[in-house]
Amino acid sequence: MQRQSGVKWYSVYNQKGEHQASYDQFFSEAKNWAMDCARHVAGYVCECGVQQEEKVIFDALKKSK
C-alpha cells in the first residue's frame, strides 16, 4: 500500500528492531496507542512520514528524569 504525500504515522519496534505495529496520525489517539504498544513489547516508537527519516520519540526502556 502506497501512502499519500504528507501522511504521517507512528511505527512501533521491539528492542531487536523488529516492526510490531503502525498507527496513522489521522487518529487523535495514535500516539497513545503506539506508546502503549511499545510498553507492552518493551520497545520504542518512531515518528515517520513520507520523505522524512524515522525519529525515535519514545523508548519504553529509558527512564524519564
C-alpha atoms as a PDB file:
ATOM      1  CA  MET A   1       0.000   0.000   0.000  1.00  0.00           C
ATOM      2  CA  GLN A   2       1.423   3.372  -1.001  1.00  0.00           C
ATOM      3  CA  ARG A   3       0.897   6.311   1.328  1.00  0.00           C
ATOM      4  CA  GLN A   4      -0.256   9.737   0.205  1.00  0.00           C
ATOM      5  CA  SER A   5       2.156  12.655   0.376  1.00  0.00           C
ATOM      6  CA  GLY A   6       2.008  14.469   3.699  1.00  0.00           C
ATOM      7  CA  VAL A   7       0.713  11.485   5.667  1.00  0.00           C
ATOM      8  CA  LYS A   8       2.477  10.719   8.949  1.00  0.00           C
ATOM      9  CA  TRP A   9       2.373   7.696  11.234  1.00  0.00           C
ATOM     10  CA  TYR A  10       3.959   6.118  14.308  1.00  0.00           C
ATOM     11  CA  SER A  11       5.791   2.810  14.000  1.00  0.00           C
ATOM     12  CA  VAL A  12       6.493   0.551  16.971  1.00  0.00           C
ATOM     13  CA  TYR A  13       9.561  -1.700  17.147  1.00  0.00           C
ATOM     14  CA  ASN A  14      10.771  -4.126  19.797  1.00  0.00           C
ATOM     15  CA  GLN A  15      14.324  -3.789  21.179  1.00  0.00           C
ATOM     16  CA  LYS A  16      15.620  -6.113  18.445  1.00  0.00           C
ATOM     17  CA  GLY A  17      14.395  -3.576  15.866  1.00  0.00           C
ATOM     18  CA  GLU A  18      11.566  -5.803  14.631  1.00  0.00           C
ATOM     19  CA  HIS A  19       8.467  -3.931  13.462  1.00  0.00           C
ATOM     20  CA  GLN A  20       5.445  -4.588  15.678  1.00  0.00           C
ATOM     21  CA  ALA A  21       2.715  -2.145  14.575  1.00  0.00           C
ATOM     22  CA  SER A  22       1.998   1.196  12.905  1.00  0.00           C
ATOM     23  CA  TYR A  23      -0.611   3.807  13.767  1.00  0.00           C
ATOM     24  CA  ASP A  24      -1.742   6.552  11.376  1.00  0.00           C
ATOM     25  CA  GLN A  25      -1.657  10.089  12.826  1.00  0.00           C
ATOM     26  CA  PHE A  26      -5.080  10.641  11.269  1.00  0.00           C
ATOM     27  CA  PHE A  27      -6.387   9.207  14.558  1.00  0.00           C
ATOM     28  CA  SER A  28      -6.009  11.569  17.517  1.00  0.00           C
ATOM     29  CA  GLU A  29      -5.107   8.710  19.889  1.00  0.00           C
ATOM     30  CA  ALA A  30      -2.470   7.188  17.576  1.00  0.00           C
ATOM     31  CA  LYS A  31       0.497   8.369  19.660  1.00  0.00           C
ATOM     32  CA  ASN A  32      -1.014   6.937  22.861  1.00  0.00           C
ATOM     33  CA  TRP A  33      -1.768   3.618  21.142  1.00  0.00           C
ATOM     34  CA  ALA A  34       1.797   3.424  19.827  1.00  0.00           C
ATOM     35  CA  MET A  35       3.263   4.191  23.260  1.00  0.00           C
ATOM     36  CA  ASP A  36       1.045   1.564  24.917  1.00  0.00           C
ATOM     37  CA  CYS A  37       2.158  -0.993  22.336  1.00  0.00           C
ATOM     38  CA  ALA A  38       5.829  -0.075  22.899  1.00  0.00           C
ATOM     39  CA  ARG A  39       5.405  -0.527  26.655  1.00  0.00           C
ATOM     40  CA  HIS A  40       3.820  -3.939  26.069  1.00  0.00           C
ATOM     41  CA  VAL A  41       6.685  -5.176  23.851  1.00  0.00           C
ATOM     42  CA  ALA A  42       9.400  -3.244  25.758  1.00  0.00           C
ATOM     43  CA  GLY A  43      10.201  -1.360  22.583  1.00  0.00           C
ATOM     44  CA  TYR A  44      10.214   2.109  21.080  1.00  0.00           C
ATOM     45  CA  VAL A  45       8.116   4.408  18.879  1.00  0.00           C
ATOM     46  CA  CYS A  46       9.308   6.256  15.779  1.00  0.00           C
ATOM     47  CA  GLU A  47       7.504   9.153  14.137  1.00  0.00           C
ATOM     48  CA  CYS A  48       7.511   8.550  10.386  1.00  0.00           C
ATOM     49  CA  GLY A  49       6.405  10.356   7.272  1.00  0.00           C
ATOM     50  CA  VAL A  50       6.760  10.487   3.538  1.00  0.00           C
ATOM     51  CA  GLN A  51      10.245  11.784   2.637  1.00  0.00           C
ATOM     52  CA  GLN A  52      11.071  12.029   6.360  1.00  0.00           C
ATOM     53  CA  GLU A  53      13.559   9.990   8.360  1.00  0.00           C
ATOM     54  CA  GLU A  54      12.234   7.960  11.253  1.00  0.00           C
ATOM     55  CA  LYS A  55      12.729   9.756  14.567  1.00  0.00           C
ATOM     56  CA  VAL A  56      12.539   7.910  17.910  1.00  0.00           C
ATOM     57  CA  ILE A  57      10.040   9.776  20.103  1.00  0.00           C
ATOM     58  CA  PHE A  58       9.539   7.228  22.903  1.00  0.00           C
ATOM     59  CA  ASP A  59      11.552   4.348  24.338  1.00  0.00           C
ATOM     60  CA  ALA A  60       9.813   2.139  26.902  1.00  0.00           C
ATOM     61  CA  LEU A  61      13.126   1.074  28.471  1.00  0.00           C
ATOM     62  CA  LYS A  62      14.535   4.576  29.050  1.00  0.00           C
ATOM     63  CA  LYS A  63      13.808   6.062  32.445  1.00  0.00           C
ATOM     64  CA  SER A  64      12.357   9.576  32.449  1.00  0.00           C
ATOM     65  CA  LYS A  65      14.214  12.080  34.600  1.00  0.00           C
END
